[in-house]
Amino acid sequence: MKSEPINSSNSDVLYSEIDNIAILTLNRPEKLNAYNVNIFTGLKEGIKKIESNENINAIIITGAGRGFCAGADMEGLKKTTKTNNKITPEASIDEKLPNEIIGPKIAEHFQTRFGFLATCRKPIIAAINGPCAGIGLVMTLFCDLRFAAEGAKFTTSFSRRGLIAEHGISWILPKLIGHAHAMDILFTGRVFLAEEAFKIGLINNCFPKDDFMKSTLEYVKDLANMSSPRSVAVMKSQIYKAFFQNLNDAASIGDLEMEKSFLSEDFKEGVNHFMEKRTPKFTGK
């Protein structure tokens, strides 16, 4: 498997392929892949590149070395604390922030920092090979599936840095693990392990560390080869849209999408490969 920088000027994210699976690797191992601008732009560029590649059916995001993503680069945070933009405790929220921060464009940008992961039509799997903290954890929540190596450490960390629940984690985390668990790990910022993450529903599974990528790839290969890309894309859209719908609306859209499915090439192939007892050859159409 050959990995190469996402582009000639950004080696903080590497791109590689295994058959019909694309792998994006955060590549700052000396800093446990601490999040910076290059990682953000590299991931966004990589997802856009993969989205248009009809030969790729699934995407894995993982980290180089022994960590997944240790949160924001502390050097960047240190610079932030040295700025003169101080907030007075007595001020109201409108007085604290300049108009452009309150305005819809900036607010939308911050709330949907990782929205491109959720809107990508292909399934995205976070392969959490080691420490996963702060904004690194937020990023994984906007992936569709999460697997972690046994013993991998997790923390939201925000409360222990004097920060708040950023980039939409206050919205998506309770949806994934429930109100009580979300309050716990956000308020305390405590460190917990992959085993607990699995128990509370934060991750889909945890695999032995020595076989982590092998086990993850086995799952993703099955998904990429045995499931219709069209079906997965439509279901992904249905699930995220359902966050904003009532039951009747979600069911009505499901009925319409089912009618479309009956007319698709993948439906015909789905029936044929089952009847003929062979591996499917889905086209995503």
C-alpha atoms as a PDB file:
ATOM      1  CA  MET A   1       0.000   0.000   0.000  1.00  0.00           C
ATOM      2  CA  LYS A   2       1.663   3.194  -1.204  1.00  0.00           C
ATOM      3  CA  SER A   3       0.853   6.405   0.656  1.00  0.00           C
ATOM      4  CA  GLU A   4       1.427   9.844  -0.813  1.00  0.00           C
ATOM      5  CA  PRO A   5       0.784  13.411   0.389  1.00  0.00           C
ATOM      6  CA  ILE A   6      -2.696  14.699  -0.372  1.00  0.00           C
ATOM      7  CA  ASN A   7      -0.994  17.362  -2.505  1.00  0.00           C
ATOM      8  CA  SER A   8       2.505  18.666  -3.191  1.00  0.00           C
ATOM      9  CA  SER A   9       2.349  21.290  -0.433  1.00  0.00           C
ATOM     10  CA  ASN A  10       0.587  19.287   2.296  1.00  0.00           C
ATOM     11  CA  SER A  11       2.107  16.137   3.772  1.00  0.00           C
ATOM     12  CA  ASP A  12       0.091  16.324   7.004  1.00  0.00           C
ATOM     13  CA  VAL A  13      -2.538  14.109   5.359  1.00  0.00           C
ATOM     14  CA  LEU A  14      -1.565  11.059   3.320  1.00  0.00           C
ATOM     15  CA  TYR A  15      -3.687   9.283   0.713  1.00  0.00           C
ATOM     16  CA  SER A  16      -3.621   5.602  -0.186  1.00  0.00           C
ATOM     17  CA  GLU A  17      -5.902   2.943  -1.645  1.00  0.00           C
ATOM     18  CA  ILE A  18      -6.522  -0.737  -0.994  1.00  0.00           C
ATOM     19  CA  ASP A  19      -8.739  -2.091  -3.764  1.00  0.00           C
ATOM     20  CA  ASN A  20     -11.955  -0.032  -3.573  1.00  0.00           C
ATOM     21  CA  ILE A  21     -11.155   1.537  -0.194  1.00  0.00           C
ATOM     22  CA  ALA A  22      -9.485   4.943   0.234  1.00  0.00           C
ATOM     23  CA  ILE A  23      -7.411   5.662   3.340  1.00  0.00           C
ATOM     24  CA  LEU A  24      -6.680   9.163   4.633  1.00  0.00           C
ATOM     25  CA  THR A  25      -3.917   9.172   7.247  1.00  0.00           C
ATOM     26  CA  LEU A  26      -3.271  12.089   9.590  1.00  0.00           C
ATOM     27  CA  ASN A  27       0.492  12.427   9.343  1.00  0.00           C
ATOM     28  CA  ARG A  28       2.016  14.348  12.255  1.00  0.00           C
ATOM     29  CA  PRO A  29       3.140  11.343  14.317  1.00  0.00           C
ATOM     30  CA  GLU A  30       5.719  13.329  16.285  1.00  0.00           C
ATOM     31  CA  LYS A  31       2.810  15.353  17.744  1.00  0.00           C
ATOM     32  CA  LEU A  32       0.296  12.496  17.928  1.00  0.00           C
ATOM     33  CA  ASN A  33      -1.267  14.007  14.800  1.00  0.00           C
ATOM     34  CA  ALA A  34      -2.317  17.204  16.586  1.00  0.00           C
ATOM     35  CA  TYR A  35      -4.936  19.037  14.556  1.00  0.00           C
ATOM     36  CA  ASN A  36      -3.864  22.033  12.474  1.00  0.00           C
ATOM     37  CA  VAL A  37      -5.007  23.881   9.357  1.00  0.00           C
ATOM     38  CA  ASN A  38      -3.178  21.453   7.053  1.00  0.00           C
ATOM     39  CA  ILE A  39      -5.022  18.488   8.528  1.00  0.00           C
ATOM     40  CA  PHE A  40      -8.369  20.220   8.055  1.00  0.00           C
ATOM     41  CA  THR A  41      -7.702  21.320   4.472  1.00  0.00           C
ATOM     42  CA  GLY A  42      -6.070  17.989   3.625  1.00  0.00           C
ATOM     43  CA  LEU A  43      -9.056  15.999   4.855  1.00  0.00           C
ATOM     44  CA  LYS A  44     -11.492  18.251   3.032  1.00  0.00           C
ATOM     45  CA  GLU A  45      -9.519  17.993  -0.203  1.00  0.00           C
ATOM     46  CA  GLY A  46      -9.181  14.236   0.196  1.00  0.00           C
ATOM     47  CA  ILE A  47     -12.905  13.695   0.738  1.00  0.00           C
ATOM     48  CA  LYS A  48     -13.711  15.840  -2.295  1.00  0.00           C
ATOM     49  CA  LYS A  49     -11.248  13.850  -4.404  1.00  0.00           C
ATOM     50  CA  ILE A  50     -12.657  10.514  -3.245  1.00  0.00           C
ATOM     51  CA  GLU A  51     -16.281  11.605  -3.652  1.00  0.00           C
ATOM     52  CA  SER A  52     -15.834  11.866  -7.419  1.00  0.00           C
ATOM     53  CA  ASN A  53     -13.961   8.544  -7.717  1.00  0.00           C
ATOM     54  CA  GLU A  54     -16.504   5.896  -8.732  1.00  0.00           C
ATOM     55  CA  ASN A  55     -13.983   3.129  -8.004  1.00  0.00           C
ATOM     56  CA  ILE A  56     -13.952   3.905  -4.269  1.00  0.00           C
ATOM     57  CA  ASN A  57     -16.792   2.548  -2.127  1.00  0.00           C
ATOM     58  CA  ALA A  58     -15.585   3.361   1.403  1.00  0.00           C
ATOM     59  CA  ILE A  59     -13.201   5.697   3.230  1.00  0.00           C
ATOM     60  CA  ILE A  60     -11.040   5.127   6.302  1.00  0.00           C
ATOM     61  CA  ILE A  61      -9.545   7.977   8.335  1.00  0.00           C
ATOM     62  CA  THR A  62      -6.731   6.969  10.693  1.00  0.00           C
ATOM     63  CA  GLY A  63      -3.541   8.317  12.268  1.00  0.00           C
ATOM     64  CA  ALA A  64       0.150   7.695  11.622  1.00  0.00           C
ATOM     65  CA  GLY A  65       2.251   6.338  14.466  1.00  0.00           C
ATOM     66  CA  ARG A  66       0.784   5.564  17.877  1.00  0.00           C
ATOM     67  CA  GLY A  67      -1.963   8.203  17.961  1.00  0.00           C
ATOM     68  CA  PHE A  68      -5.118   9.132  16.088  1.00  0.00           C
ATOM     69  CA  CYS A  69      -5.382  12.849  16.893  1.00  0.00           C
ATOM     70  CA  ALA A  70      -4.354  14.417  20.198  1.00  0.00           C
ATOM     71  CA  GLY A  71      -6.606  17.435  19.689  1.00  0.00           C
ATOM     72  CA  ALA A  72      -5.635  20.926  18.593  1.00  0.00           C
ATOM     73  CA  ASP A  73      -1.962  21.760  18.251  1.00  0.00           C
ATOM     74  CA  MET A  74      -1.137  23.335  21.632  1.00  0.00           C
ATOM     75  CA  GLU A  75       1.263  25.807  20.020  1.00  0.00           C
ATOM     76  CA  GLY A  76      -1.713  27.258  18.176  1.00  0.00           C
ATOM     77  CA  LEU A  77      -3.754  27.459  21.378  1.00  0.00           C
ATOM     78  CA  LYS A  78      -0.820  29.081  23.161  1.00  0.00           C
ATOM     79  CA  LYS A  79      -0.709  31.823  20.529  1.00  0.00           C
ATOM     80  CA  THR A  80      -4.447  32.383  20.980  1.00  0.00           C
ATOM     81  CA  THR A  81      -3.995  33.070  24.705  1.00  0.00           C
ATOM     82  CA  LYS A  82      -1.483  35.817  23.898  1.00  0.00           C
ATOM     83  CA  THR A  83      -3.862  37.894  21.762  1.00  0.00           C
ATOM     84  CA  ASN A  84      -5.429  41.082  23.075  1.00  0.00           C
ATOM     85  CA  ASN A  85      -9.031  40.022  22.308  1.00  0.00           C
ATOM     86  CA  LYS A  86     -10.139  39.721  25.931  1.00  0.00           C
ATOM     87  CA  ILE A  87     -13.739  39.044  26.938  1.00  0.00           C
ATOM     88  CA  THR A  88     -15.124  40.739  30.018  1.00  0.00           C
ATOM     89  CA  PRO A  89     -17.171  38.449  32.292  1.00  0.00           C
ATOM     90  CA  GLU A  90     -19.892  41.078  32.756  1.00  0.00           C
ATOM     91  CA  ALA A  91     -20.669  41.438  29.075  1.00  0.00           C
ATOM     92  CA  SER A  92     -23.703  39.842  27.466  1.00  0.00           C
ATOM     93  CA  ILE A  93     -23.155  37.401  24.607  1.00  0.00           C
ATOM     94  CA  ASP A  94     -23.987  40.153  22.101  1.00  0.00           C
ATOM     95  CA  GLU A  95     -21.482  42.498  23.728  1.00  0.00           C
ATOM     96  CA  LYS A  96     -18.775  39.857  23.980  1.00  0.00           C
ATOM     97  CA  LEU A  97     -18.578  39.098  20.291  1.00  0.00           C
ATOM     98  CA  PRO A  98     -18.208  41.320  17.235  1.00  0.00           C
ATOM     99  CA  ASN A  99     -21.142  41.247  14.795  1.00  0.00           C
ATOM    100  CA  GLU A 100     -19.385  39.021  12.285  1.00  0.00           C
ATOM    101  CA  ILE A 101     -19.010  36.289  14.923  1.00  0.00           C
ATOM    102  CA  ILE A 102     -22.728  36.380  15.769  1.00  0.00           C
ATOM    103  CA  GLY A 103     -23.749  36.508  12.100  1.00  0.00           C
ATOM    104  CA  PRO A 104     -25.028  33.410  10.317  1.00  0.00           C
ATOM    105  CA  LYS A 105     -21.997  32.904   8.077  1.00  0.00           C
ATOM    106  CA  ILE A 106     -19.475  32.542  10.888  1.00  0.00           C
ATOM    107  CA  ALA A 107     -21.871  30.611  13.101  1.00  0.00           C
ATOM    108  CA  GLU A 108     -22.633  28.219  10.270  1.00  0.00           C
ATOM    109  CA  HIS A 109     -18.931  27.750   9.605  1.00  0.00           C
ATOM    110  CA  PHE A 110     -18.182  26.794  13.196  1.00  0.00           C
ATOM    111  CA  GLN A 111     -21.177  24.537  13.623  1.00  0.00           C
ATOM    112  CA  THR A 112     -20.430  22.602  10.455  1.00  0.00           C
ATOM    113  CA  ARG A 113     -16.634  22.406  10.613  1.00  0.00           C
ATOM    114  CA  PHE A 114     -16.801  18.692   9.821  1.00  0.00           C
ATOM    115  CA  GLY A 115     -20.089  18.764   7.945  1.00  0.00           C
ATOM    116  CA  PHE A 116     -18.305  17.656   4.778  1.00  0.00           C
ATOM    117  CA  LEU A 117     -17.834  14.224   6.363  1.00  0.00           C
ATOM    118  CA  ALA A 118     -21.556  13.794   6.966  1.00  0.00           C
ATOM    119  CA  THR A 119     -22.564  15.048   3.523  1.00  0.00           C
ATOM    120  CA  CYS A 120     -20.107  12.829   1.633  1.00  0.00           C
ATOM    121  CA  ARG A 121     -22.151  10.087  -0.047  1.00  0.00           C
ATOM    122  CA  LYS A 122     -19.592   7.392   0.715  1.00  0.00           C
ATOM    123  CA  PRO A 123     -19.347   5.725   4.152  1.00  0.00           C
ATOM    124  CA  ILE A 124     -16.527   7.116   6.303  1.00  0.00           C
ATOM    125  CA  ILE A 125     -14.950   5.004   9.025  1.00  0.00           C
ATOM    126  CA  ALA A 126     -12.760   6.483  11.760  1.00  0.00           C
ATOM    127  CA  ALA A 127     -10.029   3.953  12.614  1.00  0.00           C
ATOM    128  CA  ILE A 128      -8.933   5.260  16.006  1.00  0.00           C
ATOM    129  CA  ASN A 129      -5.529   3.650  16.499  1.00  0.00           C
ATOM    130  CA  GLY A 130      -4.520   5.607  19.615  1.00  0.00           C
ATOM    131  CA  PRO A 131      -5.164   8.772  21.655  1.00  0.00           C
ATOM    132  CA  CYS A 132      -8.203  10.713  20.436  1.00  0.00           C
ATOM    133  CA  ALA A 133      -8.842  14.069  22.100  1.00  0.00           C
ATOM    134  CA  GLY A 134     -10.632  17.379  21.741  1.00  0.00           C
ATOM    135  CA  ILE A 135     -11.245  18.402  18.161  1.00  0.00           C
ATOM    136  CA  GLY A 136      -9.879  15.030  17.064  1.00  0.00           C
ATOM    137  CA  LEU A 137     -12.770  13.383  18.897  1.00  0.00           C
ATOM    138  CA  VAL A 138     -15.258  15.843  17.396  1.00  0.00           C
ATOM    139  CA  MET A 139     -14.033  14.888  13.929  1.00  0.00           C
ATOM    140  CA  THR A 140     -14.718  11.193  14.523  1.00  0.00           C
ATOM    141  CA  LEU A 141     -18.296  11.933  15.592  1.00  0.00           C
ATOM    142  CA  PHE A 142     -19.067  13.203  12.094  1.00  0.00           C
ATOM    143  CA  CYS A 143     -17.728   9.977  10.600  1.00  0.00           C
ATOM    144  CA  ASP A 144     -20.337   7.267  10.028  1.00  0.00           C
ATOM    145  CA  LEU A 145     -18.648   4.467  11.954  1.00  0.00           C
ATOM    146  CA  ARG A 146     -15.938   4.434  14.592  1.00  0.00           C
ATOM    147  CA  PHE A 147     -13.574   1.599  15.531  1.00  0.00           C
ATOM    148  CA  ALA A 148     -10.821   1.863  18.134  1.00  0.00           C
ATOM    149  CA  ALA A 149      -7.822  -0.148  19.264  1.00  0.00           C
ATOM    150  CA  GLU A 150      -8.168  -1.656  22.722  1.00  0.00           C
ATOM    151  CA  GLY A 151      -6.703   0.696  25.309  1.00  0.00           C
ATOM    152  CA  ALA A 152      -6.968   3.793  23.088  1.00  0.00           C
ATOM    153  CA  LYS A 153      -7.493   6.882  25.245  1.00  0.00           C
ATOM    154  CA  PHE A 154     -10.357   9.321  24.682  1.00  0.00           C
ATOM    155  CA  THR A 155     -11.118  12.731  26.166  1.00  0.00           C
ATOM    156  CA  THR A 156     -13.150  15.763  25.193  1.00  0.00           C
ATOM    157  CA  SER A 157     -10.658  17.874  27.218  1.00  0.00           C
ATOM    158  CA  PHE A 158     -12.444  21.196  26.565  1.00  0.00           C
ATOM    159  CA  SER A 159     -13.494  21.900  30.159  1.00  0.00           C
ATOM    160  CA  ARG A 160      -9.912  21.345  31.315  1.00  0.00           C
ATOM    161  CA  ARG A 161      -8.642  24.002  28.903  1.00  0.00           C
ATOM    162  CA  GLY A 162     -11.237  26.629  29.799  1.00  0.00           C
ATOM    163  CA  LEU A 163     -13.056  25.953  26.530  1.00  0.00           C
ATOM    164  CA  ILE A 164     -16.600  24.910  25.602  1.00  0.00           C
ATOM    165  CA  ALA A 165     -18.234  22.183  23.489  1.00  0.00           C
ATOM    166  CA  GLU A 166     -17.048  23.212  20.031  1.00  0.00           C
ATOM    167  CA  HIS A 167     -17.850  22.514  16.388  1.00  0.00           C
ATOM    168  CA  GLY A 168     -21.223  20.896  16.981  1.00  0.00           C
ATOM    169  CA  ILE A 169     -20.211  18.261  19.547  1.00  0.00           C
ATOM    170  CA  SER A 170     -22.981  19.523  21.873  1.00  0.00           C
ATOM    171  CA  TRP A 171     -25.470  18.649  19.129  1.00  0.00           C
ATOM    172  CA  ILE A 172     -24.183  15.318  17.866  1.00  0.00           C
ATOM    173  CA  LEU A 173     -22.711  13.709  21.000  1.00  0.00           C
ATOM    174  CA  PRO A 174     -26.024  13.342  22.900  1.00  0.00           C
ATOM    175  CA  LYS A 175     -27.572  11.844  19.762  1.00  0.00           C
ATOM    176  CA  LEU A 176     -24.887   9.154  19.724  1.00  0.00           C
ATOM    177  CA  ILE A 177     -24.475   8.281  23.406  1.00  0.00           C
ATOM    178  CA  GLY A 178     -27.400   9.932  25.184  1.00  0.00           C
ATOM    179  CA  HIS A 179     -27.766  13.021  27.360  1.00  0.00           C
ATOM    180  CA  ALA A 180     -26.271  11.607  30.574  1.00  0.00           C
ATOM    181  CA  HIS A 181     -23.090  10.180  29.037  1.00  0.00           C
ATOM    182  CA  ALA A 182     -22.582  13.354  26.971  1.00  0.00           C
ATOM    183  CA  MET A 183     -22.836  15.524  30.083  1.00  0.00           C
ATOM    184  CA  ASP A 184     -20.346  13.290  31.889  1.00  0.00           C
ATOM    185  CA  ILE A 185     -17.553  13.300  29.347  1.00  0.00           C
ATOM    186  CA  LEU A 186     -18.036  16.964  28.395  1.00  0.00           C
ATOM    187  CA  PHE A 187     -18.274  18.372  31.917  1.00  0.00           C
ATOM    188  CA  THR A 188     -15.386  16.373  33.387  1.00  0.00           C
ATOM    189  CA  GLY A 189     -13.048  16.206  30.405  1.00  0.00           C
ATOM    190  CA  ARG A 190     -11.832  12.967  31.970  1.00  0.00           C
ATOM    191  CA  VAL A 191      -9.789  10.357  30.109  1.00  0.00           C
ATOM    192  CA  PHE A 192     -11.550   7.095  29.320  1.00  0.00           C
ATOM    193  CA  LEU A 193     -10.533   4.036  27.318  1.00  0.00           C
ATOM    194  CA  ALA A 194     -11.832   2.398  24.151  1.00  0.00           C
ATOM    195  CA  GLU A 195     -13.522  -0.298  26.195  1.00  0.00           C
ATOM    196  CA  GLU A 196     -15.723   2.293  27.922  1.00  0.00           C
ATOM    197  CA  ALA A 197     -16.248   4.127  24.634  1.00  0.00           C
ATOM    198  CA  PHE A 198     -17.675   0.897  23.221  1.00  0.00           C
ATOM    199  CA  LYS A 199     -19.830   0.325  26.292  1.00  0.00           C
ATOM    200  CA  ILE A 200     -21.505   3.745  26.059  1.00  0.00           C
ATOM    201  CA  GLY A 201     -21.965   3.565  22.283  1.00  0.00           C
ATOM    202  CA  LEU A 202     -19.361   6.120  21.267  1.00  0.00           C
ATOM    203  CA  ILE A 203     -17.619   3.588  19.018  1.00  0.00           C
ATOM    204  CA  ASN A 204     -18.986   0.607  17.093  1.00  0.00           C
ATOM    205  CA  ASN A 205     -16.329  -1.837  18.243  1.00  0.00           C
ATOM    206  CA  CYS A 206     -12.839  -2.089  19.699  1.00  0.00           C
ATOM    207  CA  PHE A 207     -10.288  -4.527  18.336  1.00  0.00           C
ATOM    208  CA  PRO A 208      -7.012  -5.898  19.765  1.00  0.00           C
ATOM    209  CA  LYS A 209      -4.242  -3.368  19.232  1.00  0.00           C
ATOM    210  CA  ASP A 210      -1.935  -5.737  17.335  1.00  0.00           C
ATOM    211  CA  ASP A 211      -4.654  -6.633  14.811  1.00  0.00           C
ATOM    212  CA  PHE A 212      -6.464  -3.315  14.784  1.00  0.00           C
ATOM    213  CA  MET A 213      -6.055  -2.258  11.156  1.00  0.00           C
ATOM    214  CA  LYS A 214      -6.442  -5.832   9.936  1.00  0.00           C
ATOM    215  CA  SER A 215      -9.752  -6.180  11.777  1.00  0.00           C
ATOM    216  CA  THR A 216     -10.930  -2.753  10.637  1.00  0.00           C
ATOM    217  CA  LEU A 217     -10.073  -3.530   7.024  1.00  0.00           C
ATOM    218  CA  GLU A 218     -11.933  -6.839   7.189  1.00  0.00           C
ATOM    219  CA  TYR A 219     -15.083  -4.992   8.208  1.00  0.00           C
ATOM    220  CA  VAL A 220     -14.656  -2.213   5.645  1.00  0.00           C
ATOM    221  CA  LYS A 221     -13.856  -4.641   2.814  1.00  0.00           C
ATOM    222  CA  ASP A 222     -17.085  -6.489   3.514  1.00  0.00           C
ATOM    223  CA  LEU A 223     -18.993  -3.195   3.487  1.00  0.00           C
ATOM    224  CA  ALA A 224     -17.285  -1.977   0.303  1.00  0.00           C
ATOM    225  CA  ASN A 225     -17.852  -5.216  -1.611  1.00  0.00           C
ATOM    226  CA  MET A 226     -21.085  -6.714  -0.301  1.00  0.00           C
ATOM    227  CA  SER A 227     -23.282  -3.611   0.092  1.00  0.00           C
ATOM    228  CA  SER A 228     -24.681  -1.569  -2.786  1.00  0.00           C
ATOM    229  CA  PRO A 229     -22.914   1.830  -2.948  1.00  0.00           C
ATOM    230  CA  ARG A 230     -26.212   3.360  -4.025  1.00  0.00           C
ATOM    231  CA  SER A 231     -28.073   1.864  -1.069  1.00  0.00           C
ATOM    232  CA  VAL A 232     -25.425   3.008   1.404  1.00  0.00           C
ATOM    233  CA  ALA A 233     -25.391   6.552  -0.017  1.00  0.00           C
ATOM    234  CA  VAL A 234     -29.177   6.881   0.166  1.00  0.00           C
ATOM    235  CA  MET A 235     -29.359   5.398   3.672  1.00  0.00           C
ATOM    236  CA  LYS A 236     -26.601   7.719   4.901  1.00  0.00           C
ATOM    237  CA  SER A 237     -28.579  10.687   3.621  1.00  0.00           C
ATOM    238  CA  GLN A 238     -31.777   9.350   5.194  1.00  0.00           C
ATOM    239  CA  ILE A 239     -30.178   8.905   8.608  1.00  0.00           C
ATOM    240  CA  TYR A 240     -28.660  12.393   8.800  1.00  0.00           C
ATOM    241  CA  LYS A 241     -31.825  14.046   7.458  1.00  0.00           C
ATOM    242  CA  ALA A 242     -33.895  12.144  10.009  1.00  0.00           C
ATOM    243  CA  PHE A 243     -32.239  14.192  12.775  1.00  0.00           C
ATOM    244  CA  PHE A 244     -34.446  17.075  11.590  1.00  0.00           C
ATOM    245  CA  GLN A 245     -37.605  15.126  10.645  1.00  0.00           C
ATOM    246  CA  ASN A 246     -40.550  13.565  12.418  1.00  0.00           C
ATOM    247  CA  LEU A 247     -41.401   9.884  11.968  1.00  0.00           C
ATOM    248  CA  ASN A 248     -44.035  10.467   9.288  1.00  0.00           C
ATOM    249  CA  ASP A 249     -41.715  12.577   7.129  1.00  0.00           C
ATOM    250  CA  ALA A 250     -38.860  10.092   7.459  1.00  0.00           C
ATOM    251  CA  ALA A 251     -41.162   7.188   6.559  1.00  0.00           C
ATOM    252  CA  SER A 252     -42.626   9.049   3.565  1.00  0.00           C
ATOM    253  CA  ILE A 253     -39.177   9.786   2.177  1.00  0.00           C
ATOM    254  CA  GLY A 254     -38.254   6.146   2.767  1.00  0.00           C
ATOM    255  CA  ASP A 255     -41.255   5.036   0.703  1.00  0.00           C
ATOM    256  CA  LEU A 256     -40.219   7.255  -2.203  1.00  0.00           C
ATOM    257  CA  GLU A 257     -36.604   6.094  -2.045  1.00  0.00           C
ATOM    258  CA  MET A 258     -37.731   2.457  -1.992  1.00  0.00           C
ATOM    259  CA  GLU A 259     -39.660   2.995  -5.233  1.00  0.00           C
ATOM    260  CA  LYS A 260     -36.517   4.445  -6.813  1.00  0.00           C
ATOM    261  CA  SER A 261     -34.493   1.482  -5.549  1.00  0.00           C
ATOM    262  CA  PHE A 262     -36.743  -0.962  -7.409  1.00  0.00           C
ATOM    263  CA  LEU A 263     -35.715   0.754 -10.658  1.00  0.00           C
ATOM    264  CA  SER A 264     -31.966   0.710  -9.960  1.00  0.00           C
ATOM    265  CA  GLU A 265     -29.323  -1.541 -11.480  1.00  0.00           C
ATOM    266  CA  ASP A 266     -28.039  -2.359  -8.001  1.00  0.00           C
ATOM    267  CA  PHE A 267     -31.459  -3.772  -7.033  1.00  0.00           C
ATOM    268  CA  LYS A 268     -31.388  -6.111 -10.019  1.00  0.00           C
ATOM    269  CA  GLU A 269     -27.839  -7.162  -9.162  1.00  0.00           C
ATOM    270  CA  GLY A 270     -28.783  -7.582  -5.512  1.00  0.00           C
ATOM    271  CA  VAL A 271     -31.469 -10.106  -6.414  1.00  0.00           C
ATOM    272  CA  ASN A 272     -29.389 -11.851  -9.086  1.00  0.00           C
ATOM    273  CA  HIS A 273     -26.257 -12.395  -6.980  1.00  0.00           C
ATOM    274  CA  PHE A 274     -28.384 -13.778  -4.138  1.00  0.00           C
ATOM    275  CA  MET A 275     -30.253 -16.193  -6.399  1.00  0.00           C
ATOM    276  CA  GLU A 276     -27.062 -17.234  -8.204  1.00  0.00           C
ATOM    277  CA  LYS A 277     -25.105 -17.571  -4.927  1.00  0.00           C
ATOM    278  CA  ARG A 278     -22.186 -15.408  -6.062  1.00  0.00           C
ATOM    279  CA  THR A 279     -20.373 -12.248  -4.995  1.00  0.00           C
ATOM    280  CA  PRO A 280     -22.233  -9.100  -6.087  1.00  0.00           C
ATOM    281  CA  LYS A 281     -20.958  -6.743  -8.752  1.00  0.00           C
ATOM    282  CA  PHE A 282     -22.650  -3.528  -7.759  1.00  0.00           C
ATOM    283  CA  THR A 283     -22.140  -0.425  -9.896  1.00  0.00           C
ATOM    284  CA  GLY A 284     -23.738   2.140  -7.603  1.00  0.00           C
ATOM    285  CA  LYS A 285     -26.399   2.909 -10.205  1.00  0.00           C
END
